[in-house]
Amino acid sequence: MPCFSCGARQTDPVRGASPWTRGVRDETQVLVCPDCRRTHDVDLDTCSSCGSAALICRLGEVECRSCGAVRLARGGGRPVVSCAPGLADEVEAALARVLRRVH
């Protein structure tokens, strides 16, 4: 998954904590690269109970990792899914390389 702000791709992590940040924006789980986190005002959704931006979105719910509050995503309980342009093609090509398939 690329950085939602600049589109940079996350590389294989080194040992230890990742410098990338997870968050929720417009009911969608996003990643924020270290550069954007440092240099931009990242506009992530916040918890309506405690104001924290430590949210995760899964299975049509948004949960606050700070206070534990859970609410339905605006999609009416259906998972809200977004896909970066070209991501499906990149995944297909990577699988083909790994599985040694030729198109």
PDB file of N, CA and C in Angstrom:
ATOM      1  N   MET A   1       0.854  -1.172   0.000  1.00  0.00           N
ATOM      2  CA  MET A   1       0.000   0.000   0.000  1.00  0.00           C
ATOM      3  C   MET A   1       0.900   1.234   0.000  1.00  0.00           C
ATOM      4  N   PRO A   2       0.656   2.168  -0.900  1.00  0.00           N
ATOM      5  CA  PRO A   2       1.497   3.371  -0.960  1.00  0.00           C
ATOM      6  C   PRO A   2       1.072   4.415   0.084  1.00  0.00           C
ATOM      7  N   CYS A   3       1.941   5.397   0.276  1.00  0.00           N
ATOM      8  CA  CYS A   3       1.601   6.541   1.120  1.00  0.00           C
ATOM      9  C   CYS A   3       0.423   7.258   0.467  1.00  0.00           C
ATOM     10  N   PHE A   4      -0.599   7.543   1.249  1.00  0.00           N
ATOM     11  CA  PHE A   4      -1.792   8.169   0.675  1.00  0.00           C
ATOM     12  C   PHE A   4      -1.511   9.585   0.191  1.00  0.00           C
ATOM     13  N   SER A   5      -0.472  10.220   0.708  1.00  0.00           N
ATOM     14  CA  SER A   5      -0.190  11.604   0.366  1.00  0.00           C
ATOM     15  C   SER A   5       0.702  11.741  -0.864  1.00  0.00           C
ATOM     16  N   CYS A   6       1.837  11.026  -0.887  1.00  0.00           N
ATOM     17  CA  CYS A   6       2.794  11.199  -1.985  1.00  0.00           C
ATOM     18  C   CYS A   6       2.890   9.991  -2.912  1.00  0.00           C
ATOM     19  N   GLY A   7       2.320   8.855  -2.510  1.00  0.00           N
ATOM     20  CA  GLY A   7       2.336   7.669  -3.355  1.00  0.00           C
ATOM     21  C   GLY A   7       3.581   6.808  -3.227  1.00  0.00           C
ATOM     22  N   ALA A   8       4.511   7.161  -2.329  1.00  0.00           N
ATOM     23  CA  ALA A   8       5.717   6.350  -2.140  1.00  0.00           C
ATOM     24  C   ALA A   8       5.329   4.956  -1.665  1.00  0.00           C
ATOM     25  N   ARG A   9       6.052   3.966  -2.144  1.00  0.00           N
ATOM     26  CA  ARG A   9       5.798   2.578  -1.758  1.00  0.00           C
ATOM     27  C   ARG A   9       6.654   2.205  -0.555  1.00  0.00           C
ATOM     28  N   GLN A  10       6.059   1.456   0.356  1.00  0.00           N
ATOM     29  CA  GLN A  10       6.792   0.969   1.517  1.00  0.00           C
ATOM     30  C   GLN A  10       7.699  -0.165   1.073  1.00  0.00           C
ATOM     31  N   THR A  11       8.946  -0.151   1.525  1.00  0.00           N
ATOM     32  CA  THR A  11       9.891  -1.207   1.189  1.00  0.00           C
ATOM     33  C   THR A  11       9.951  -2.195   2.342  1.00  0.00           C
ATOM     34  N   ASP A  12      10.669  -3.291   2.131  1.00  0.00           N
ATOM     35  CA  ASP A  12      10.813  -4.273   3.202  1.00  0.00           C
ATOM     36  C   ASP A  12      11.419  -3.590   4.422  1.00  0.00           C
ATOM     37  N   PRO A  13      10.780  -3.759   5.567  1.00  0.00           N
ATOM     38  CA  PRO A  13      11.254  -3.052   6.765  1.00  0.00           C
ATOM     39  C   PRO A  13      12.519  -3.679   7.335  1.00  0.00           C
ATOM     40  N   VAL A  14      13.296  -2.839   7.987  1.00  0.00           N
ATOM     41  CA  VAL A  14      14.421  -3.337   8.772  1.00  0.00           C
ATOM     42  C   VAL A  14      13.852  -3.747  10.121  1.00  0.00           C
ATOM     43  N   ARG A  15      14.645  -4.418  10.904  1.00  0.00           N
ATOM     44  CA  ARG A  15      14.159  -4.837  12.225  1.00  0.00           C
ATOM     45  C   ARG A  15      13.792  -3.621  13.071  1.00  0.00           C
ATOM     46  N   GLY A  16      12.808  -3.808  13.907  1.00  0.00           N
ATOM     47  CA  GLY A  16      12.385  -2.728  14.784  1.00  0.00           C
ATOM     48  C   GLY A  16      11.081  -2.109  14.324  1.00  0.00           C
ATOM     49  N   ALA A  17      10.711  -1.051  14.976  1.00  0.00           N
ATOM     50  CA  ALA A  17       9.447  -0.375  14.679  1.00  0.00           C
ATOM     51  C   ALA A  17       9.503   0.297  13.306  1.00  0.00           C
ATOM     52  N   SER A  18       8.397   0.238  12.606  1.00  0.00           N
ATOM     53  CA  SER A  18       8.320   0.860  11.282  1.00  0.00           C
ATOM     54  C   SER A  18       8.183   2.371  11.427  1.00  0.00           C
ATOM     55  N   PRO A  19       8.871   3.125  10.581  1.00  0.00           N
ATOM     56  CA  PRO A  19       8.719   4.578  10.624  1.00  0.00           C
ATOM     57  C   PRO A  19       7.424   5.044   9.946  1.00  0.00           C
ATOM     58  N   TRP A  20       6.717   4.140   9.278  1.00  0.00           N
ATOM     59  CA  TRP A  20       5.456   4.460   8.620  1.00  0.00           C
ATOM     60  C   TRP A  20       4.335   4.486   9.656  1.00  0.00           C
ATOM     61  N   THR A  21       3.317   5.303   9.400  1.00  0.00           N
ATOM     62  CA  THR A  21       2.182   5.438  10.307  1.00  0.00           C
ATOM     63  C   THR A  21       0.915   4.955   9.622  1.00  0.00           C
ATOM     64  N   ARG A  22       0.113   4.184  10.358  1.00  0.00           N
ATOM     65  CA  ARG A  22      -1.204   3.789   9.857  1.00  0.00           C
ATOM     66  C   ARG A  22      -2.225   4.764  10.406  1.00  0.00           C
ATOM     67  N   GLY A  23      -3.276   4.979   9.640  1.00  0.00           N
ATOM     68  CA  GLY A  23      -4.349   5.843  10.087  1.00  0.00           C
ATOM     69  C   GLY A  23      -5.582   5.623   9.243  1.00  0.00           C
ATOM     70  N   VAL A  24      -6.597   6.403   9.499  1.00  0.00           N
ATOM     71  CA  VAL A  24      -7.839   6.336   8.737  1.00  0.00           C
ATOM     72  C   VAL A  24      -8.110   7.717   8.174  1.00  0.00           C
ATOM     73  N   ARG A  25      -8.461   7.744   6.895  1.00  0.00           N
ATOM     74  CA  ARG A  25      -8.835   8.993   6.244  1.00  0.00           C
ATOM     75  C   ARG A  25     -10.046   8.719   5.369  1.00  0.00           C
ATOM     76  N   ASP A  26     -11.111   9.455   5.594  1.00  0.00           N
ATOM     77  CA  ASP A  26     -12.355   9.271   4.844  1.00  0.00           C
ATOM     78  C   ASP A  26     -12.810   7.818   4.873  1.00  0.00           C
ATOM     79  N   GLU A  27     -12.771   7.217   6.072  1.00  0.00           N
ATOM     80  CA  GLU A  27     -13.255   5.847   6.297  1.00  0.00           C
ATOM     81  C   GLU A  27     -12.397   4.778   5.630  1.00  0.00           C
ATOM     82  N   THR A  28     -11.175   5.108   5.223  1.00  0.00           N
ATOM     83  CA  THR A  28     -10.291   4.166   4.550  1.00  0.00           C
ATOM     84  C   THR A  28      -8.979   4.076   5.301  1.00  0.00           C
ATOM     85  N   GLN A  29      -8.484   2.859   5.516  1.00  0.00           N
ATOM     86  CA  GLN A  29      -7.187   2.655   6.144  1.00  0.00           C
ATOM     87  C   GLN A  29      -6.108   3.158   5.198  1.00  0.00           C
ATOM     88  N   VAL A  30      -5.187   3.986   5.697  1.00  0.00           N
ATOM     89  CA  VAL A  30      -4.111   4.533   4.877  1.00  0.00           C
ATOM     90  C   VAL A  30      -2.768   4.392   5.588  1.00  0.00           C
ATOM     91  N   LEU A  31      -1.713   4.498   4.805  1.00  0.00           N
ATOM     92  CA  LEU A  31      -0.357   4.558   5.338  1.00  0.00           C
ATOM     93  C   LEU A  31       0.214   5.938   5.051  1.00  0.00           C
ATOM     94  N   VAL A  32       1.056   6.423   5.959  1.00  0.00           N
ATOM     95  CA  VAL A  32       1.726   7.709   5.782  1.00  0.00           C
ATOM     96  C   VAL A  32       3.223   7.454   5.894  1.00  0.00           C
ATOM     97  N   CYS A  33       3.970   7.856   4.863  1.00  0.00           N
ATOM     98  CA  CYS A  33       5.418   7.635   4.869  1.00  0.00           C
ATOM     99  C   CYS A  33       6.084   8.585   5.874  1.00  0.00           C
ATOM    100  N   PRO A  34       7.302   8.254   6.283  1.00  0.00           N
ATOM    101  CA  PRO A  34       8.007   9.108   7.258  1.00  0.00           C
ATOM    102  C   PRO A  34       8.214  10.535   6.768  1.00  0.00           C
ATOM    103  N   ASP A  35       8.498  10.718   5.463  1.00  0.00           N
ATOM    104  CA  ASP A  35       8.726  12.071   4.936  1.00  0.00           C
ATOM    105  C   ASP A  35       7.462  12.920   5.036  1.00  0.00           C
ATOM    106  N   CYS A  36       6.323  12.370   4.626  1.00  0.00           N
ATOM    107  CA  CYS A  36       5.066  13.127   4.691  1.00  0.00           C
ATOM    108  C   CYS A  36       4.666  13.397   6.133  1.00  0.00           C
ATOM    109  N   ARG A  37       4.951  12.450   7.008  1.00  0.00           N
ATOM    110  CA  ARG A  37       4.622  12.643   8.424  1.00  0.00           C
ATOM    111  C   ARG A  37       5.414  13.802   9.009  1.00  0.00           C
ATOM    112  N   ARG A  38       6.667  13.950   8.556  1.00  0.00           N
ATOM    113  CA  ARG A  38       7.531  15.035   9.059  1.00  0.00           C
ATOM    114  C   ARG A  38       7.213  16.380   8.425  1.00  0.00           C
ATOM    115  N   THR A  39       6.924  16.385   7.118  1.00  0.00           N
ATOM    116  CA  THR A  39       6.867  17.649   6.396  1.00  0.00           C
ATOM    117  C   THR A  39       5.467  18.155   6.062  1.00  0.00           C
ATOM    118  N   HIS A  40       4.438  17.332   6.199  1.00  0.00           N
ATOM    119  CA  HIS A  40       3.089  17.763   5.844  1.00  0.00           C
ATOM    120  C   HIS A  40       2.163  17.701   7.060  1.00  0.00           C
ATOM    121  N   ASP A  41       1.134  18.512   7.010  1.00  0.00           N
ATOM    122  CA  ASP A  41       0.077  18.414   8.003  1.00  0.00           C
ATOM    123  C   ASP A  41      -0.856  17.306   7.521  1.00  0.00           C
ATOM    124  N   VAL A  42      -0.669  16.109   8.032  1.00  0.00           N
ATOM    125  CA  VAL A  42      -1.427  14.942   7.587  1.00  0.00           C
ATOM    126  C   VAL A  42      -2.827  15.004   8.184  1.00  0.00           C
ATOM    127  N   ASP A  43      -3.818  15.063   7.324  1.00  0.00           N
ATOM    128  CA  ASP A  43      -5.209  15.224   7.737  1.00  0.00           C
ATOM    129  C   ASP A  43      -5.890  13.863   7.875  1.00  0.00           C
ATOM    130  N   LEU A  44      -5.700  13.216   9.035  1.00  0.00           N
ATOM    131  CA  LEU A  44      -6.311  11.917   9.294  1.00  0.00           C
ATOM    132  C   LEU A  44      -7.586  12.104  10.115  1.00  0.00           C
ATOM    133  N   ASP A  45      -8.505  11.136   9.992  1.00  0.00           N
ATOM    134  CA  ASP A  45      -9.712  11.154  10.814  1.00  0.00           C
ATOM    135  C   ASP A  45      -9.313  11.008  12.279  1.00  0.00           C
ATOM    136  N   THR A  46     -10.131  11.538  13.161  1.00  0.00           N
ATOM    137  CA  THR A  46      -9.870  11.412  14.591  1.00  0.00           C
ATOM    138  C   THR A  46     -11.076  10.800  15.290  1.00  0.00           C
ATOM    139  N   CYS A  47     -10.841  10.269  16.465  1.00  0.00           N
ATOM    140  CA  CYS A  47     -11.879   9.643  17.272  1.00  0.00           C
ATOM    141  C   CYS A  47     -12.826  10.712  17.804  1.00  0.00           C
ATOM    142  N   SER A  48     -14.121  10.468  17.674  1.00  0.00           N
ATOM    143  CA  SER A  48     -15.095  11.434  18.183  1.00  0.00           C
ATOM    144  C   SER A  48     -15.177  11.405  19.706  1.00  0.00           C
ATOM    145  N   SER A  49     -14.665  10.344  20.337  1.00  0.00           N
ATOM    146  CA  SER A  49     -14.703  10.251  21.802  1.00  0.00           C
ATOM    147  C   SER A  49     -13.509  10.916  22.467  1.00  0.00           C
ATOM    148  N   CYS A  50     -12.290  10.621  21.945  1.00  0.00           N
ATOM    149  CA  CYS A  50     -11.099  11.128  22.629  1.00  0.00           C
ATOM    150  C   CYS A  50     -10.228  12.044  21.773  1.00  0.00           C
ATOM    151  N   GLY A  51     -10.514  12.145  20.470  1.00  0.00           N
ATOM    152  CA  GLY A  51      -9.749  13.026  19.592  1.00  0.00           C
ATOM    153  C   GLY A  51      -8.472  12.430  19.034  1.00  0.00           C
ATOM    154  N   SER A  52      -8.153  11.180  19.370  1.00  0.00           N
ATOM    155  CA  SER A  52      -6.935  10.539  18.891  1.00  0.00           C
ATOM    156  C   SER A  52      -7.032  10.225  17.404  1.00  0.00           C
ATOM    157  N   ALA A  53      -5.891  10.251  16.718  1.00  0.00           N
ATOM    158  CA  ALA A  53      -5.833   9.861  15.302  1.00  0.00           C
ATOM    159  C   ALA A  53      -5.401   8.405  15.157  1.00  0.00           C
ATOM    160  N   ALA A  54      -5.263   7.689  16.271  1.00  0.00           N
ATOM    161  CA  ALA A  54      -4.840   6.279  16.250  1.00  0.00           C
ATOM    162  C   ALA A  54      -6.045   5.390  15.947  1.00  0.00           C
ATOM    163  N   LEU A  55      -6.532   5.468  14.706  1.00  0.00           N
ATOM    164  CA  LEU A  55      -7.706   4.703  14.300  1.00  0.00           C
ATOM    165  C   LEU A  55      -7.313   3.592  13.347  1.00  0.00           C
ATOM    166  N   ILE A  56      -8.104   2.519  13.361  1.00  0.00           N
ATOM    167  CA  ILE A  56      -7.973   1.460  12.363  1.00  0.00           C
ATOM    168  C   ILE A  56      -9.355   1.204  11.787  1.00  0.00           C
ATOM    169  N   CYS A  57      -9.390   0.851  10.516  1.00  0.00           N
ATOM    170  CA  CYS A  57     -10.645   0.591   9.826  1.00  0.00           C
ATOM    171  C   CYS A  57     -10.604  -0.848   9.340  1.00  0.00           C
ATOM    172  N   ARG A  58     -11.608  -1.623   9.763  1.00  0.00           N
ATOM    173  CA  ARG A  58     -11.658  -3.018   9.337  1.00  0.00           C
ATOM    174  C   ARG A  58     -13.088  -3.517   9.373  1.00  0.00           C
ATOM    175  N   LEU A  59     -13.438  -4.305   8.391  1.00  0.00           N
ATOM    176  CA  LEU A  59     -14.749  -4.953   8.320  1.00  0.00           C
ATOM    177  C   LEU A  59     -15.902  -3.997   8.567  1.00  0.00           C
ATOM    178  N   GLY A  60     -15.813  -2.807   7.987  1.00  0.00           N
ATOM    179  CA  GLY A  60     -16.906  -1.854   8.090  1.00  0.00           C
ATOM    180  C   GLY A  60     -16.996  -1.131   9.416  1.00  0.00           C
ATOM    181  N   GLU A  61     -15.970  -1.257  10.241  1.00  0.00           N
ATOM    182  CA  GLU A  61     -15.942  -0.557  11.521  1.00  0.00           C
ATOM    183  C   GLU A  61     -14.675   0.281  11.623  1.00  0.00           C
ATOM    184  N   VAL A  62     -14.767   1.347  12.391  1.00  0.00           N
ATOM    185  CA  VAL A  62     -13.597   2.167  12.703  1.00  0.00           C
ATOM    186  C   VAL A  62     -13.404   2.080  14.211  1.00  0.00           C
ATOM    187  N   GLU A  63     -12.196   1.677  14.613  1.00  0.00           N
ATOM    188  CA  GLU A  63     -11.900   1.510  16.040  1.00  0.00           C
ATOM    189  C   GLU A  63     -10.759   2.418  16.446  1.00  0.00           C
ATOM    190  N   CYS A  64     -10.900   3.035  17.611  1.00  0.00           N
ATOM    191  CA  CYS A  64      -9.848   3.880  18.167  1.00  0.00           C
ATOM    192  C   CYS A  64      -8.914   3.004  18.996  1.00  0.00           C
ATOM    193  N   ARG A  65      -7.635   3.042  18.668  1.00  0.00           N
ATOM    194  CA  ARG A  65      -6.664   2.245  19.412  1.00  0.00           C
ATOM    195  C   ARG A  65      -6.292   2.901  20.733  1.00  0.00           C
ATOM    196  N   SER A  66      -6.687   4.149  20.939  1.00  0.00           N
ATOM    197  CA  SER A  66      -6.390   4.828  22.198  1.00  0.00           C
ATOM    198  C   SER A  66      -7.432   4.535  23.264  1.00  0.00           C
ATOM    199  N   CYS A  67      -8.712   4.737  22.923  1.00  0.00           N
ATOM    200  CA  CYS A  67      -9.759   4.573  23.936  1.00  0.00           C
ATOM    201  C   CYS A  67     -10.653   3.354  23.716  1.00  0.00           C
ATOM    202  N   GLY A  68     -10.512   2.692  22.553  1.00  0.00           N
ATOM    203  CA  GLY A  68     -11.297   1.485  22.288  1.00  0.00           C
ATOM    204  C   GLY A  68     -12.681   1.724  21.705  1.00  0.00           C
ATOM    205  N   ALA A  69     -13.056   2.976  21.469  1.00  0.00           N
ATOM    206  CA  ALA A  69     -14.372   3.273  20.902  1.00  0.00           C
ATOM    207  C   ALA A  69     -14.482   2.651  19.508  1.00  0.00           C
ATOM    208  N   VAL A  70     -15.639   2.069  19.207  1.00  0.00           N
ATOM    209  CA  VAL A  70     -15.887   1.444  17.912  1.00  0.00           C
ATOM    210  C   VAL A  70     -17.165   2.028  17.340  1.00  0.00           C
ATOM    211  N   ARG A  71     -17.139   2.331  16.042  1.00  0.00           N
ATOM    212  CA  ARG A  71     -18.347   2.803  15.375  1.00  0.00           C
ATOM    213  C   ARG A  71     -18.404   2.202  13.976  1.00  0.00           C
ATOM    214  N   LEU A  72     -19.585   2.162  13.396  1.00  0.00           N
ATOM    215  CA  LEU A  72     -19.735   1.690  12.031  1.00  0.00           C
ATOM    216  C   LEU A  72     -19.158   2.723  11.078  1.00  0.00           C
ATOM    217  N   ALA A  73     -18.526   2.232  10.035  1.00  0.00           N
ATOM    218  CA  ALA A  73     -18.046   3.132   8.988  1.00  0.00           C
ATOM    219  C   ALA A  73     -19.267   3.696   8.267  1.00  0.00           C
ATOM    220  N   ARG A  74     -19.112   4.843   7.652  1.00  0.00           N
ATOM    221  CA  ARG A  74     -20.244   5.473   6.965  1.00  0.00           C
ATOM    222  C   ARG A  74     -20.794   4.623   5.830  1.00  0.00           C
ATOM    223  N   GLY A  75     -20.075   3.604   5.406  1.00  0.00           N
ATOM    224  CA  GLY A  75     -20.535   2.730   4.326  1.00  0.00           C
ATOM    225  C   GLY A  75     -21.688   1.839   4.751  1.00  0.00           C
ATOM    226  N   GLY A  76     -22.290   2.092   5.904  1.00  0.00           N
ATOM    227  CA  GLY A  76     -23.448   1.331   6.346  1.00  0.00           C
ATOM    228  C   GLY A  76     -23.115  -0.074   6.801  1.00  0.00           C
ATOM    229  N   GLY A  77     -21.911  -0.285   7.347  1.00  0.00           N
ATOM    230  CA  GLY A  77     -21.541  -1.600   7.818  1.00  0.00           C
ATOM    231  C   GLY A  77     -20.812  -2.428   6.768  1.00  0.00           C
ATOM    232  N   ARG A  78     -20.833  -1.972   5.525  1.00  0.00           N
ATOM    233  CA  ARG A  78     -20.082  -2.661   4.473  1.00  0.00           C
ATOM    234  C   ARG A  78     -18.656  -2.163   4.530  1.00  0.00           C
ATOM    235  N   PRO A  79     -17.672  -3.049   4.315  1.00  0.00           N
ATOM    236  CA  PRO A  79     -16.294  -2.572   4.307  1.00  0.00           C
ATOM    237  C   PRO A  79     -16.097  -1.518   3.220  1.00  0.00           C
ATOM    238  N   VAL A  80     -15.399  -0.449   3.564  1.00  0.00           N
ATOM    239  CA  VAL A  80     -15.075   0.588   2.591  1.00  0.00           C
ATOM    240  C   VAL A  80     -13.701   0.253   2.044  1.00  0.00           C
ATOM    241  N   VAL A  81     -13.611   0.001   0.756  1.00  0.00           N
ATOM    242  CA  VAL A  81     -12.375  -0.467   0.153  1.00  0.00           C
ATOM    243  C   VAL A  81     -11.916   0.521  -0.907  1.00  0.00           C
ATOM    244  N   SER A  82     -10.656   0.831  -0.889  1.00  0.00           N
ATOM    245  CA  SER A  82     -10.093   1.625  -1.972  1.00  0.00           C
ATOM    246  C   SER A  82      -8.833   0.933  -2.443  1.00  0.00           C
ATOM    247  N   CYS A  83      -8.474   1.169  -3.664  1.00  0.00           N
ATOM    248  CA  CYS A  83      -7.296   0.529  -4.243  1.00  0.00           C
ATOM    249  C   CYS A  83      -6.530   1.576  -5.031  1.00  0.00           C
ATOM    250  N   ALA A  84      -5.244   1.641  -4.785  1.00  0.00           N
ATOM    251  CA  ALA A  84      -4.409   2.601  -5.506  1.00  0.00           C
ATOM    252  C   ALA A  84      -4.396   2.244  -6.985  1.00  0.00           C
ATOM    253  N   PRO A  85      -4.420   3.242  -7.870  1.00  0.00           N
ATOM    254  CA  PRO A  85      -4.388   2.967  -9.304  1.00  0.00           C
ATOM    255  C   PRO A  85      -3.159   2.140  -9.676  1.00  0.00           C
ATOM    256  N   GLY A  86      -3.372   1.081 -10.443  1.00  0.00           N
ATOM    257  CA  GLY A  86      -2.276   0.241 -10.890  1.00  0.00           C
ATOM    258  C   GLY A  86      -1.823  -0.808  -9.899  1.00  0.00           C
ATOM    259  N   LEU A  87      -2.362  -0.785  -8.686  1.00  0.00           N
ATOM    260  CA  LEU A  87      -1.919  -1.719  -7.660  1.00  0.00           C
ATOM    261  C   LEU A  87      -2.219  -3.159  -8.054  1.00  0.00           C
ATOM    262  N   ALA A  88      -3.395  -3.427  -8.606  1.00  0.00           N
ATOM    263  CA  ALA A  88      -3.747  -4.792  -9.004  1.00  0.00           C
ATOM    264  C   ALA A  88      -2.771  -5.322 -10.048  1.00  0.00           C
ATOM    265  N   ASP A  89      -2.378  -4.472 -10.997  1.00  0.00           N
ATOM    266  CA  ASP A  89      -1.418  -4.891 -12.021  1.00  0.00           C
ATOM    267  C   ASP A  89      -0.049  -5.182 -11.409  1.00  0.00           C
ATOM    268  N   GLU A  90       0.372  -4.358 -10.446  1.00  0.00           N
ATOM    269  CA  GLU A  90       1.654  -4.585  -9.780  1.00  0.00           C
ATOM    270  C   GLU A  90       1.644  -5.893  -9.011  1.00  0.00           C
ATOM    271  N   VAL A  91       0.548  -6.171  -8.324  1.00  0.00           N
ATOM    272  CA  VAL A  91       0.436  -7.414  -7.556  1.00  0.00           C
ATOM    273  C   VAL A  91       0.456  -8.617  -8.497  1.00  0.00           C
ATOM    274  N   GLU A  92      -0.283  -8.526  -9.584  1.00  0.00           N
ATOM    275  CA  GLU A  92      -0.309  -9.620 -10.555  1.00  0.00           C
ATOM    276  C   GLU A  92       1.090  -9.878 -11.123  1.00  0.00           C
ATOM    277  N   ALA A  93       1.825  -8.834 -11.462  1.00  0.00           N
ATOM    278  CA  ALA A  93       3.177  -8.994 -11.994  1.00  0.00           C
ATOM    279  C   ALA A  93       4.112  -9.594 -10.950  1.00  0.00           C
ATOM    280  N   ALA A  94       3.998  -9.159  -9.705  1.00  0.00           N
ATOM    281  CA  ALA A  94       4.839  -9.697  -8.631  1.00  0.00           C
ATOM    282  C   ALA A  94       4.549 -11.182  -8.413  1.00  0.00           C
ATOM    283  N   LEU A  95       3.274 -11.551  -8.407  1.00  0.00           N
ATOM    284  CA  LEU A  95       2.928 -12.968  -8.250  1.00  0.00           C
ATOM    285  C   LEU A  95       3.457 -13.793  -9.416  1.00  0.00           C
ATOM    286  N   ALA A  96       3.372 -13.254 -10.603  1.00  0.00           N
ATOM    287  CA  ALA A  96       3.882 -13.961 -11.772  1.00  0.00           C
ATOM    288  C   ALA A  96       5.388 -14.186 -11.647  1.00  0.00           C
ATOM    289  N   ARG A  97       6.119 -13.178 -11.163  1.00  0.00           N
ATOM    290  CA  ARG A  97       7.571 -13.331 -10.983  1.00  0.00           C
ATOM    291  C   ARG A  97       7.876 -14.390  -9.934  1.00  0.00           C
ATOM    292  N   VAL A  98       7.173 -14.319  -8.815  1.00  0.00           N
ATOM    293  CA  VAL A  98       7.421 -15.256  -7.722  1.00  0.00           C
ATOM    294  C   VAL A  98       7.059 -16.683  -8.125  1.00  0.00           C
ATOM    295  N   LEU A  99       5.967 -16.831  -8.820  1.00  0.00           N
ATOM    296  CA  LEU A  99       5.508 -18.162  -9.224  1.00  0.00           C
ATOM    297  C   LEU A  99       6.087 -18.592 -10.572  1.00  0.00           C
ATOM    298  N   ARG A 100       6.962 -17.746 -11.127  1.00  0.00           N
ATOM    299  CA  ARG A 100       7.668 -18.010 -12.375  1.00  0.00           C
ATOM    300  C   ARG A 100       6.721 -18.271 -13.548  1.00  0.00           C
ATOM    301  N   ARG A 101       5.638 -17.513 -13.580  1.00  0.00           N
ATOM    302  CA  ARG A 101       4.713 -17.601 -14.714  1.00  0.00           C
ATOM    303  C   ARG A 101       5.102 -16.556 -15.729  1.00  0.00           C
ATOM    304  N   VAL A 102       4.874 -16.859 -16.980  1.00  0.00           N
ATOM    305  CA  VAL A 102       5.158 -15.915 -18.056  1.00  0.00           C
ATOM    306  C   VAL A 102       3.858 -15.619 -18.766  1.00  0.00           C
ATOM    307  N   HIS A 103       3.559 -14.330 -18.998  1.00  0.00           N
ATOM    308  CA  HIS A 103       2.342 -13.951 -19.714  1.00  0.00           C
ATOM    309  C   HIS A 103       2.630 -13.742 -21.160  1.00  0.00           C
TER     310      HIS A 103
END
